[in-house]
Amino acid sequence: RTFFITTNGYFGIGHPLAREGDLVCVVLTAHVPFVLRPTSRREYEFVGDSYVHGISEGEII
């Protein structure tokens, strides 16, 4: 796992391959946020799951 801080100031841990520019996404039916990497204007690559303090327990929804 790797530590990260989002542009909005949230901090968390994610997949070791996560890197700057990846997106942390909350999907309504998922139990954890996902890390996605933009590959083009309309496509994203799944990097892995994550834990983000303040949103992983449903606080953001």
N, C-alpha and C. Protein backbone atom coordinates (compact mmCIF):
# COMPACT_ATOMS: atom_id res chain seq x y z
N ARG A 1 0.83 -1.19 0.00
CA ARG A 1 0.00 0.00 0.00
C ARG A 1 0.87 1.25 0.00
N THR A 2 0.30 2.33 -0.52
CA THR A 2 1.03 3.59 -0.56
C THR A 2 0.17 4.71 0.01
N PHE A 3 0.80 5.61 0.72
CA PHE A 3 0.12 6.75 1.33
C PHE A 3 -0.08 7.83 0.28
N PHE A 4 -1.23 8.54 0.34
CA PHE A 4 -1.47 9.65 -0.58
C PHE A 4 -2.31 10.72 0.08
N ILE A 5 -2.28 11.91 -0.50
CA ILE A 5 -3.12 13.03 -0.10
C ILE A 5 -3.79 13.54 -1.36
N THR A 6 -5.13 13.69 -1.32
CA THR A 6 -5.86 14.17 -2.49
C THR A 6 -5.73 15.69 -2.62
N THR A 7 -6.14 16.21 -3.77
CA THR A 7 -6.08 17.67 -3.97
C THR A 7 -7.06 18.39 -3.04
N ASN A 8 -8.05 17.68 -2.51
CA ASN A 8 -9.00 18.27 -1.56
C ASN A 8 -8.55 18.12 -0.12
N GLY A 9 -7.36 17.54 0.10
CA GLY A 9 -6.82 17.43 1.45
C GLY A 9 -7.15 16.15 2.20
N TYR A 10 -7.85 15.22 1.57
CA TYR A 10 -8.11 13.93 2.21
C TYR A 10 -6.84 13.09 2.14
N PHE A 11 -6.60 12.26 3.14
CA PHE A 11 -5.44 11.38 3.07
C PHE A 11 -5.90 9.94 3.16
N GLY A 12 -5.10 9.06 2.59
CA GLY A 12 -5.47 7.66 2.60
C GLY A 12 -4.33 6.76 2.17
N ILE A 13 -4.67 5.49 2.00
CA ILE A 13 -3.73 4.51 1.50
C ILE A 13 -4.37 3.80 0.31
N GLY A 14 -3.54 3.47 -0.65
CA GLY A 14 -4.06 2.83 -1.85
C GLY A 14 -3.08 1.83 -2.43
N HIS A 15 -3.40 1.36 -3.60
CA HIS A 15 -2.59 0.37 -4.30
C HIS A 15 -1.17 0.89 -4.50
N PRO A 16 -0.16 0.03 -4.39
CA PRO A 16 1.23 0.47 -4.55
C PRO A 16 1.53 1.11 -5.92
N LEU A 17 0.75 0.79 -6.94
CA LEU A 17 0.97 1.37 -8.27
C LEU A 17 0.27 2.72 -8.46
N ALA A 18 -0.47 3.18 -7.45
CA ALA A 18 -1.12 4.50 -7.55
C ALA A 18 -0.06 5.58 -7.67
N ARG A 19 -0.36 6.62 -8.47
CA ARG A 19 0.61 7.69 -8.67
C ARG A 19 -0.11 9.03 -8.81
N GLU A 20 0.66 10.09 -8.78
CA GLU A 20 0.10 11.43 -8.93
C GLU A 20 -0.67 11.52 -10.24
N GLY A 21 -1.86 12.13 -10.19
CA GLY A 21 -2.71 12.25 -11.37
C GLY A 21 -3.83 11.24 -11.41
N ASP A 22 -3.74 10.17 -10.59
CA ASP A 22 -4.83 9.21 -10.49
C ASP A 22 -6.01 9.84 -9.78
N LEU A 23 -7.17 9.26 -9.97
CA LEU A 23 -8.40 9.78 -9.37
C LEU A 23 -8.92 8.81 -8.31
N VAL A 24 -9.39 9.36 -7.20
CA VAL A 24 -10.08 8.56 -6.19
C VAL A 24 -11.56 8.74 -6.43
N CYS A 25 -12.27 7.63 -6.68
CA CYS A 25 -13.68 7.69 -7.06
C CYS A 25 -14.54 6.93 -6.07
N VAL A 26 -15.66 7.53 -5.70
CA VAL A 26 -16.63 6.88 -4.83
C VAL A 26 -17.77 6.40 -5.71
N VAL A 27 -18.02 5.09 -5.68
CA VAL A 27 -19.11 4.47 -6.44
C VAL A 27 -20.18 4.10 -5.43
N LEU A 28 -21.41 4.50 -5.68
CA LEU A 28 -22.49 4.32 -4.70
C LEU A 28 -22.62 2.91 -4.15
N THR A 29 -22.49 1.90 -4.97
CA THR A 29 -22.71 0.53 -4.49
C THR A 29 -21.44 -0.13 -3.98
N ALA A 30 -20.30 0.54 -4.06
CA ALA A 30 -19.04 -0.05 -3.61
C ALA A 30 -18.82 0.22 -2.13
N HIS A 31 -18.06 -0.64 -1.50
CA HIS A 31 -17.78 -0.49 -0.08
C HIS A 31 -16.52 0.33 0.20
N VAL A 32 -15.71 0.54 -0.83
CA VAL A 32 -14.47 1.32 -0.68
C VAL A 32 -14.31 2.22 -1.90
N PRO A 33 -13.57 3.33 -1.78
CA PRO A 33 -13.26 4.15 -2.95
C PRO A 33 -12.29 3.41 -3.88
N PHE A 34 -12.36 3.71 -5.16
CA PHE A 34 -11.46 3.11 -6.15
C PHE A 34 -10.49 4.15 -6.67
N VAL A 35 -9.31 3.69 -7.05
CA VAL A 35 -8.32 4.55 -7.70
C VAL A 35 -8.37 4.23 -9.19
N LEU A 36 -8.61 5.27 -10.00
CA LEU A 36 -8.67 5.13 -11.45
C LEU A 36 -7.62 6.02 -12.09
N ARG A 37 -7.09 5.57 -13.22
CA ARG A 37 -6.08 6.35 -13.95
C ARG A 37 -6.64 6.72 -15.32
N PRO A 38 -6.70 8.01 -15.63
CA PRO A 38 -7.15 8.41 -16.96
C PRO A 38 -6.18 7.88 -18.03
N THR A 39 -6.75 7.25 -19.08
CA THR A 39 -5.92 6.77 -20.18
C THR A 39 -6.19 7.54 -21.46
N SER A 40 -7.35 8.18 -21.52
CA SER A 40 -7.72 9.04 -22.64
C SER A 40 -8.81 9.97 -22.13
N ARG A 41 -9.40 10.74 -23.01
CA ARG A 41 -10.43 11.69 -22.59
C ARG A 41 -11.67 11.02 -22.01
N ARG A 42 -11.94 9.78 -22.42
CA ARG A 42 -13.16 9.11 -21.96
C ARG A 42 -12.94 7.74 -21.34
N GLU A 43 -11.71 7.34 -21.17
CA GLU A 43 -11.43 6.01 -20.63
C GLU A 43 -10.52 6.09 -19.42
N TYR A 44 -10.72 5.12 -18.51
CA TYR A 44 -9.94 5.06 -17.28
C TYR A 44 -9.51 3.63 -17.04
N GLU A 45 -8.37 3.48 -16.40
CA GLU A 45 -7.85 2.17 -16.04
C GLU A 45 -8.03 1.99 -14.54
N PHE A 46 -8.52 0.83 -14.13
CA PHE A 46 -8.68 0.52 -12.72
C PHE A 46 -7.31 0.23 -12.13
N VAL A 47 -6.93 0.97 -11.08
CA VAL A 47 -5.64 0.76 -10.42
C VAL A 47 -5.82 -0.13 -9.19
N GLY A 48 -6.86 0.13 -8.41
CA GLY A 48 -7.10 -0.68 -7.21
C GLY A 48 -8.05 0.03 -6.26
N ASP A 49 -8.24 -0.59 -5.11
CA ASP A 49 -9.11 0.02 -4.10
C ASP A 49 -8.26 0.89 -3.18
N SER A 50 -8.93 1.58 -2.28
CA SER A 50 -8.21 2.45 -1.36
C SER A 50 -9.01 2.64 -0.08
N TYR A 51 -8.34 3.19 0.92
CA TYR A 51 -9.01 3.68 2.12
C TYR A 51 -8.70 5.16 2.18
N VAL A 52 -9.73 5.98 2.30
CA VAL A 52 -9.55 7.43 2.40
C VAL A 52 -10.26 7.91 3.67
N HIS A 53 -9.49 8.45 4.59
CA HIS A 53 -10.05 8.93 5.86
C HIS A 53 -11.08 10.03 5.58
N GLY A 54 -12.28 9.84 6.09
CA GLY A 54 -13.33 10.83 5.91
C GLY A 54 -14.32 10.51 4.81
N ILE A 55 -13.99 9.52 3.95
CA ILE A 55 -14.97 9.14 2.92
C ILE A 55 -15.16 7.63 2.81
N SER A 56 -14.27 6.83 3.38
CA SER A 56 -14.37 5.38 3.21
C SER A 56 -15.48 4.74 4.03
N GLU A 57 -15.98 5.43 5.02
CA GLU A 57 -17.06 4.89 5.84
C GLU A 57 -18.41 5.48 5.46
N GLY A 58 -18.51 6.04 4.25
CA GLY A 58 -19.76 6.59 3.77
C GLY A 58 -20.01 8.03 4.17
N GLU A 59 -19.03 8.70 4.76
CA GLU A 59 -19.23 10.07 5.25
C GLU A 59 -19.52 11.07 4.13
N ILE A 60 -19.01 10.81 2.94
CA ILE A 60 -19.14 11.78 1.86
C ILE A 60 -20.50 11.67 1.14
N ILE A 61 -21.17 10.57 1.31
CA ILE A 61 -22.44 10.36 0.60
C ILE A 61 -23.60 10.90 1.40
